[in-house]
Structures are given as structure tokens and as C-alpha cells.
PDB file of N, CA and C in Angstrom:
ATOM      1  N   MET A   1     -31.450  -6.829  -6.578  1.00  0.00           N
ATOM      2  CA  MET A   1     -30.688  -8.043  -6.773  1.00  0.00           C
ATOM      3  C   MET A   1     -31.616  -9.148  -7.257  1.00  0.00           C
ATOM      4  N   LYS A   2     -31.088  -9.951  -8.140  1.00  0.00           N
ATOM      5  CA  LYS A   2     -31.885 -11.069  -8.649  1.00  0.00           C
ATOM      6  C   LYS A   2     -31.980 -12.170  -7.609  1.00  0.00           C
ATOM      7  N   ASP A   3     -33.022 -12.986  -7.742  1.00  0.00           N
ATOM      8  CA  ASP A   3     -33.190 -14.148  -6.823  1.00  0.00           C
ATOM      9  C   ASP A   3     -32.212 -15.240  -7.172  1.00  0.00           C
ATOM     10  N   HIS A   4     -31.801 -15.305  -8.445  1.00  0.00           N
ATOM     11  CA  HIS A   4     -30.932 -16.398  -8.919  1.00  0.00           C
ATOM     12  C   HIS A   4     -29.972 -15.866  -9.979  1.00  0.00           C
ATOM     13  N   TYR A   5     -28.747 -16.304  -9.901  1.00  0.00           N
ATOM     14  CA  TYR A   5     -27.740 -15.953 -10.900  1.00  0.00           C
ATOM     15  C   TYR A   5     -27.244 -17.230 -11.531  1.00  0.00           C
ATOM     16  N   ASP A   6     -27.060 -17.224 -12.863  1.00  0.00           N
ATOM     17  CA  ASP A   6     -26.638 -18.417 -13.609  1.00  0.00           C
ATOM     18  C   ASP A   6     -25.134 -18.357 -13.843  1.00  0.00           C
ATOM     19  N   PHE A   7     -24.352 -19.198 -13.178  1.00  0.00           N
ATOM     20  CA  PHE A   7     -22.918 -19.286 -13.336  1.00  0.00           C
ATOM     21  C   PHE A   7     -22.503 -20.528 -14.105  1.00  0.00           C
ATOM     22  N   SER A   8     -23.434 -21.142 -14.802  1.00  0.00           N
ATOM     23  CA  SER A   8     -23.144 -22.393 -15.512  1.00  0.00           C
ATOM     24  C   SER A   8     -22.121 -22.219 -16.627  1.00  0.00           C
ATOM     25  N   ASN A   9     -22.010 -21.042 -17.191  1.00  0.00           N
ATOM     26  CA  ASN A   9     -21.007 -20.785 -18.259  1.00  0.00           C
ATOM     27  C   ASN A   9     -19.751 -20.074 -17.729  1.00  0.00           C
ATOM     28  N   GLY A  10     -19.677 -19.949 -16.408  1.00  0.00           N
ATOM     29  CA  GLY A  10     -18.530 -19.267 -15.801  1.00  0.00           C
ATOM     30  C   GLY A  10     -17.261 -20.143 -15.906  1.00  0.00           C
ATOM     31  N   LYS A  11     -16.116 -19.491 -15.859  1.00  0.00           N
ATOM     32  CA  LYS A  11     -14.833 -20.217 -15.946  1.00  0.00           C
ATOM     33  C   LYS A  11     -14.112 -20.018 -14.608  1.00  0.00           C
ATOM     34  N   ARG A  12     -13.890 -21.108 -13.919  1.00  0.00           N
ATOM     35  CA  ARG A  12     -13.230 -21.048 -12.605  1.00  0.00           C
ATOM     36  C   ARG A  12     -11.780 -20.596 -12.786  1.00  0.00           C
ATOM     37  N   GLY A  13     -11.375 -19.636 -11.974  1.00  0.00           N
ATOM     38  CA  GLY A  13      -9.977 -19.183 -11.959  1.00  0.00           C
ATOM     39  C   GLY A  13      -9.621 -18.279 -13.153  1.00  0.00           C
ATOM     40  N   GLN A  14     -10.559 -17.785 -13.880  1.00  0.00           N
ATOM     41  CA  GLN A  14     -10.271 -16.956 -15.080  1.00  0.00           C
ATOM     42  C   GLN A  14      -9.424 -15.743 -14.716  1.00  0.00           C
ATOM     43  N   PHE A  15      -9.647 -15.145 -13.592  1.00  0.00           N
ATOM     44  CA  PHE A  15      -8.920 -13.935 -13.207  1.00  0.00           C
ATOM     45  C   PHE A  15      -7.893 -14.171 -12.108  1.00  0.00           C
ATOM     46  N   TYR A  16      -7.660 -15.431 -11.774  1.00  0.00           N
ATOM     47  CA  TYR A  16      -6.682 -15.774 -10.718  1.00  0.00           C
ATOM     48  C   TYR A  16      -5.270 -15.531 -11.226  1.00  0.00           C
ATOM     49  N   SER A  17      -4.461 -14.886 -10.408  1.00  0.00           N
ATOM     50  CA  SER A  17      -3.064 -14.673 -10.731  1.00  0.00           C
ATOM     51  C   SER A  17      -2.218 -14.989  -9.496  1.00  0.00           C
ATOM     52  N   PRO A  18      -1.490 -16.093  -9.518  1.00  0.00           N
ATOM     53  CA  PRO A  18      -0.750 -16.506  -8.308  1.00  0.00           C
ATOM     54  C   PRO A  18       0.357 -15.541  -7.895  1.00  0.00           C
ATOM     55  N   ASP A  19       0.849 -14.738  -8.817  1.00  0.00           N
ATOM     56  CA  ASP A  19       1.928 -13.806  -8.495  1.00  0.00           C
ATOM     57  C   ASP A  19       1.423 -12.355  -8.311  1.00  0.00           C
ATOM     58  N   ALA A  20       0.136 -12.223  -8.051  1.00  0.00           N
ATOM     59  CA  ALA A  20      -0.440 -10.886  -7.830  1.00  0.00           C
ATOM     60  C   ALA A  20       0.114 -10.247  -6.568  1.00  0.00           C
ATOM     61  N   VAL A  21       0.372  -8.971  -6.627  1.00  0.00           N
ATOM     62  CA  VAL A  21       0.876  -8.238  -5.471  1.00  0.00           C
ATOM     63  C   VAL A  21      -0.250  -7.311  -5.000  1.00  0.00           C
ATOM     64  N   PHE A  22      -0.559  -7.406  -3.716  1.00  0.00           N
ATOM     65  CA  PHE A  22      -1.628  -6.576  -3.135  1.00  0.00           C
ATOM     66  C   PHE A  22      -1.010  -5.468  -2.346  1.00  0.00           C
ATOM     67  N   ARG A  23      -1.497  -4.253  -2.551  1.00  0.00           N
ATOM     68  CA  ARG A  23      -1.035  -3.093  -1.819  1.00  0.00           C
ATOM     69  C   ARG A  23      -2.001  -2.827  -0.700  1.00  0.00           C
ATOM     70  N   ILE A  24      -1.475  -2.686   0.519  1.00  0.00           N
ATOM     71  CA  ILE A  24      -2.307  -2.420   1.673  1.00  0.00           C
ATOM     72  C   ILE A  24      -2.489  -0.899   1.793  1.00  0.00           C
ATOM     73  N   PRO A  25      -3.711  -0.429   1.844  1.00  0.00           N
ATOM     74  CA  PRO A  25      -3.905   1.009   2.040  1.00  0.00           C
ATOM     75  C   PRO A  25      -3.500   1.406   3.450  1.00  0.00           C
ATOM     76  N   VAL A  26      -2.770   2.494   3.557  1.00  0.00           N
ATOM     77  CA  VAL A  26      -2.336   2.996   4.843  1.00  0.00           C
ATOM     78  C   VAL A  26      -2.859   4.429   4.985  1.00  0.00           C
ATOM     79  N   TYR A  27      -3.525   4.708   6.062  1.00  0.00           N
ATOM     80  CA  TYR A  27      -4.102   6.029   6.269  1.00  0.00           C
ATOM     81  C   TYR A  27      -3.301   6.778   7.362  1.00  0.00           C
ATOM     82  N   LEU A  28      -2.803   7.916   7.035  1.00  0.00           N
ATOM     83  CA  LEU A  28      -2.022   8.718   7.957  1.00  0.00           C
ATOM     84  C   LEU A  28      -2.884   9.775   8.643  1.00  0.00           C
ATOM     85  N   ASP A  29      -2.507  10.123   9.866  1.00  0.00           N
ATOM     86  CA  ASP A  29      -3.166  11.258  10.509  1.00  0.00           C
ATOM     87  C   ASP A  29      -2.980  12.499   9.659  1.00  0.00           C
ATOM     88  N   GLU A  30      -3.920  13.399   9.693  1.00  0.00           N
ATOM     89  CA  GLU A  30      -3.860  14.602   8.852  1.00  0.00           C
ATOM     90  C   GLU A  30      -2.590  15.399   9.068  1.00  0.00           C
ATOM     91  N   ALA A  31      -2.212  15.598  10.328  1.00  0.00           N
ATOM     92  CA  ALA A  31      -0.996  16.369  10.600  1.00  0.00           C
ATOM     93  C   ALA A  31       0.258  15.654  10.104  1.00  0.00           C
ATOM     94  N   VAL A  32       0.305  14.344  10.254  1.00  0.00           N
ATOM     95  CA  VAL A  32       1.456  13.572   9.778  1.00  0.00           C
ATOM     96  C   VAL A  32       1.535  13.641   8.271  1.00  0.00           C
ATOM     97  N   GLN A  33       0.420  13.462   7.599  1.00  0.00           N
ATOM     98  CA  GLN A  33       0.407  13.509   6.127  1.00  0.00           C
ATOM     99  C   GLN A  33       0.815  14.888   5.639  1.00  0.00           C
ATOM    100  N   SER A  34       0.339  15.945   6.259  1.00  0.00           N
ATOM    101  CA  SER A  34       0.714  17.296   5.859  1.00  0.00           C
ATOM    102  C   SER A  34       2.198  17.503   5.967  1.00  0.00           C
ATOM    103  N   TYR A  35       2.746  17.134   7.109  1.00  0.00           N
ATOM    104  CA  TYR A  35       4.178  17.295   7.343  1.00  0.00           C
ATOM    105  C   TYR A  35       4.994  16.528   6.304  1.00  0.00           C
ATOM    106  N   LEU A  36       4.655  15.253   6.137  1.00  0.00           N
ATOM    107  CA  LEU A  36       5.410  14.425   5.189  1.00  0.00           C
ATOM    108  C   LEU A  36       5.238  14.861   3.749  1.00  0.00           C
ATOM    109  N   THR A  37       4.064  15.358   3.403  1.00  0.00           N
ATOM    110  CA  THR A  37       3.845  15.877   2.056  1.00  0.00           C
ATOM    111  C   THR A  37       4.733  17.057   1.783  1.00  0.00           C
ATOM    112  N   GLU A  38       4.816  17.966   2.767  1.00  0.00           N
ATOM    113  CA  GLU A  38       5.699  19.142   2.631  1.00  0.00           C
ATOM    114  C   GLU A  38       7.145  18.726   2.482  1.00  0.00           C
ATOM    115  N   ARG A  39       7.575  17.745   3.301  1.00  0.00           N
ATOM    116  CA  ARG A  39       8.961  17.261   3.217  1.00  0.00           C
ATOM    117  C   ARG A  39       9.249  16.623   1.876  1.00  0.00           C
ATOM    118  N   ALA A  40       8.296  15.815   1.372  1.00  0.00           N
ATOM    119  CA  ALA A  40       8.484  15.156   0.097  1.00  0.00           C
ATOM    120  C   ALA A  40       8.558  16.180  -1.029  1.00  0.00           C
ATOM    121  N   THR A  41       7.697  17.188  -0.980  1.00  0.00           N
ATOM    122  CA  THR A  41       7.690  18.237  -1.983  1.00  0.00           C
ATOM    123  C   THR A  41       9.012  19.009  -1.977  1.00  0.00           C
ATOM    124  N   SER A  42       9.487  19.339  -0.799  1.00  0.00           N
ATOM    125  CA  SER A  42      10.730  20.097  -0.706  1.00  0.00           C
ATOM    126  C   SER A  42      11.928  19.295  -1.195  1.00  0.00           C
ATOM    127  N   LYS A  43      11.860  17.973  -1.047  1.00  0.00           N
ATOM    128  CA  LYS A  43      12.957  17.118  -1.516  1.00  0.00           C
ATOM    129  C   LYS A  43      12.774  16.718  -2.989  1.00  0.00           C
ATOM    130  N   GLY A  44      11.600  16.945  -3.528  1.00  0.00           N
ATOM    131  CA  GLY A  44      11.324  16.588  -4.902  1.00  0.00           C
ATOM    132  C   GLY A  44      11.140  15.075  -5.118  1.00  0.00           C
ATOM    133  N   VAL A  45      10.561  14.420  -4.104  1.00  0.00           N
ATOM    134  CA  VAL A  45      10.296  12.991  -4.220  1.00  0.00           C
ATOM    135  C   VAL A  45       8.818  12.708  -3.967  1.00  0.00           C
ATOM    136  N   GLU A  46       8.392  11.532  -4.337  1.00  0.00           N
ATOM    137  CA  GLU A  46       6.990  11.120  -4.084  1.00  0.00           C
ATOM    138  C   GLU A  46       6.798  10.855  -2.610  1.00  0.00           C
ATOM    139  N   LEU A  47       5.595  11.109  -2.114  1.00  0.00           N
ATOM    140  CA  LEU A  47       5.285  10.878  -0.732  1.00  0.00           C
ATOM    141  C   LEU A  47       5.531   9.409  -0.339  1.00  0.00           C
ATOM    142  N   SER A  48       5.101   8.490  -1.182  1.00  0.00           N
ATOM    143  CA  SER A  48       5.273   7.073  -0.880  1.00  0.00           C
ATOM    144  C   SER A  48       6.747   6.697  -0.762  1.00  0.00           C
ATOM    145  N   ASP A  49       7.603   7.301  -1.609  1.00  0.00           N
ATOM    146  CA  ASP A  49       9.031   7.004  -1.529  1.00  0.00           C
ATOM    147  C   ASP A  49       9.622   7.522  -0.227  1.00  0.00           C
ATOM    148  N   LEU A  50       9.220   8.722   0.180  1.00  0.00           N
ATOM    149  CA  LEU A  50       9.702   9.286   1.439  1.00  0.00           C
ATOM    150  C   LEU A  50       9.277   8.427   2.629  1.00  0.00           C
ATOM    151  N   VAL A  51       7.993   8.028   2.657  1.00  0.00           N
ATOM    152  CA  VAL A  51       7.484   7.216   3.774  1.00  0.00           C
ATOM    153  C   VAL A  51       8.200   5.875   3.803  1.00  0.00           C
ATOM    154  N   ASN A  52       8.405   5.232   2.647  1.00  0.00           N
ATOM    155  CA  ASN A  52       9.110   3.960   2.605  1.00  0.00           C
ATOM    156  C   ASN A  52      10.530   4.084   3.122  1.00  0.00           C
ATOM    157  N   ASP A  53      11.222   5.164   2.726  1.00  0.00           N
ATOM    158  CA  ASP A  53      12.585   5.393   3.192  1.00  0.00           C
ATOM    159  C   ASP A  53      12.639   5.563   4.703  1.00  0.00           C
ATOM    160  N   LEU A  54      11.703   6.329   5.259  1.00  0.00           N
ATOM    161  CA  LEU A  54      11.636   6.527   6.697  1.00  0.00           C
ATOM    162  C   LEU A  54      11.371   5.222   7.448  1.00  0.00           C
ATOM    163  N   LEU A  55      10.442   4.446   6.914  1.00  0.00           N
ATOM    164  CA  LEU A  55      10.121   3.177   7.565  1.00  0.00           C
ATOM    165  C   LEU A  55      11.284   2.171   7.480  1.00  0.00           C
ATOM    166  N   LYS A  56      11.995   2.180   6.360  1.00  0.00           N
ATOM    167  CA  LYS A  56      13.161   1.291   6.225  1.00  0.00           C
ATOM    168  C   LYS A  56      14.231   1.666   7.239  1.00  0.00           C
ATOM    169  N   LYS A  57      14.436   2.946   7.465  1.00  0.00           N
ATOM    170  CA  LYS A  57      15.404   3.394   8.457  1.00  0.00           C
ATOM    171  C   LYS A  57      14.966   2.989   9.884  1.00  0.00           C
ATOM    172  N   ASP A  58      13.667   3.119  10.153  1.00  0.00           N
ATOM    173  CA  ASP A  58      13.171   2.668  11.459  1.00  0.00           C
ATOM    174  C   ASP A  58      13.385   1.158  11.646  1.00  0.00           C
ATOM    175  N   ILE A  59      13.144   0.387  10.617  1.00  0.00           N
ATOM    176  CA  ILE A  59      13.332  -1.067  10.678  1.00  0.00           C
ATOM    177  C   ILE A  59      14.797  -1.376  10.986  1.00  0.00           C
ATOM    178  N   GLU A  60      15.710  -0.671  10.310  1.00  0.00           N
ATOM    179  CA  GLU A  60      17.127  -0.875  10.549  1.00  0.00           C
ATOM    180  C   GLU A  60      17.493  -0.585  12.002  1.00  0.00           C
ATOM    181  N   LEU A  61      16.942   0.498  12.544  1.00  0.00           N
ATOM    182  CA  LEU A  61      17.208   0.859  13.961  1.00  0.00           C
ATOM    183  C   LEU A  61      16.646  -0.213  14.905  1.00  0.00           C
ATOM    184  N   ILE A  62      15.469  -0.694  14.620  1.00  0.00           N
ATOM    185  CA  ILE A  62      14.852  -1.728  15.468  1.00  0.00           C
ATOM    186  C   ILE A  62      15.703  -3.003  15.416  1.00  0.00           C
ATOM    187  N   GLU A  63      16.125  -3.386  14.217  1.00  0.00           N
ATOM    188  CA  GLU A  63      16.931  -4.615  14.072  1.00  0.00           C
ATOM    189  C   GLU A  63      18.290  -4.443  14.748  1.00  0.00           C
ATOM    190  N   ALA A  64      18.878  -3.269  14.693  1.00  0.00           N
ATOM    191  CA  ALA A  64      20.181  -3.018  15.311  1.00  0.00           C
ATOM    192  C   ALA A  64      20.074  -3.057  16.828  1.00  0.00           C
ATOM    193  N   ALA A  65      18.930  -2.695  17.383  1.00  0.00           N
ATOM    194  CA  ALA A  65      18.745  -2.637  18.827  1.00  0.00           C
ATOM    195  C   ALA A  65      18.465  -4.026  19.419  1.00  0.00           C
ATOM    196  N   LYS A  66      18.225  -5.012  18.615  1.00  0.00           N
ATOM    197  CA  LYS A  66      17.913  -6.377  19.117  1.00  0.00           C
ATOM    198  C   LYS A  66      19.121  -6.991  19.757  1.00  0.00           C
TER     199      LYS A  66
END
């Protein structure tokens, strides 16, 4: 690493995007991921779509129980 970096020609906010969407990485247990991957494959859908659908159903159940 250098002792000094020259940022005098830098442009503040050049890569800033106020409407950027950040994806949070989620790590599943190996057994859970294997099971869900098999289910997604058998249904012909993406793993992320299957997981999102399952979580949405859980949220509906939680909200209904309030």
C-alpha cells in the first residue's frame, strides 16, 4: 500500500445512485438448501423464486395470526 494517495482529481458522488437496490446475501444450511433445490428443480422454478414464495406465505400466516 502506498503511504499517500492523491484524490485531488476525484469526483465526489460519481458512482452514487440514490435508487440503488442492495441484495442481502442469505446463507442456508446445507440440508435446507439441498431440499429446496430439489423442490425447485422438480417444479421447474428458480431456487430464489421458490424461497421467496415460501417466505411470502409464512409472512401471510404470521400477519393473519396477529
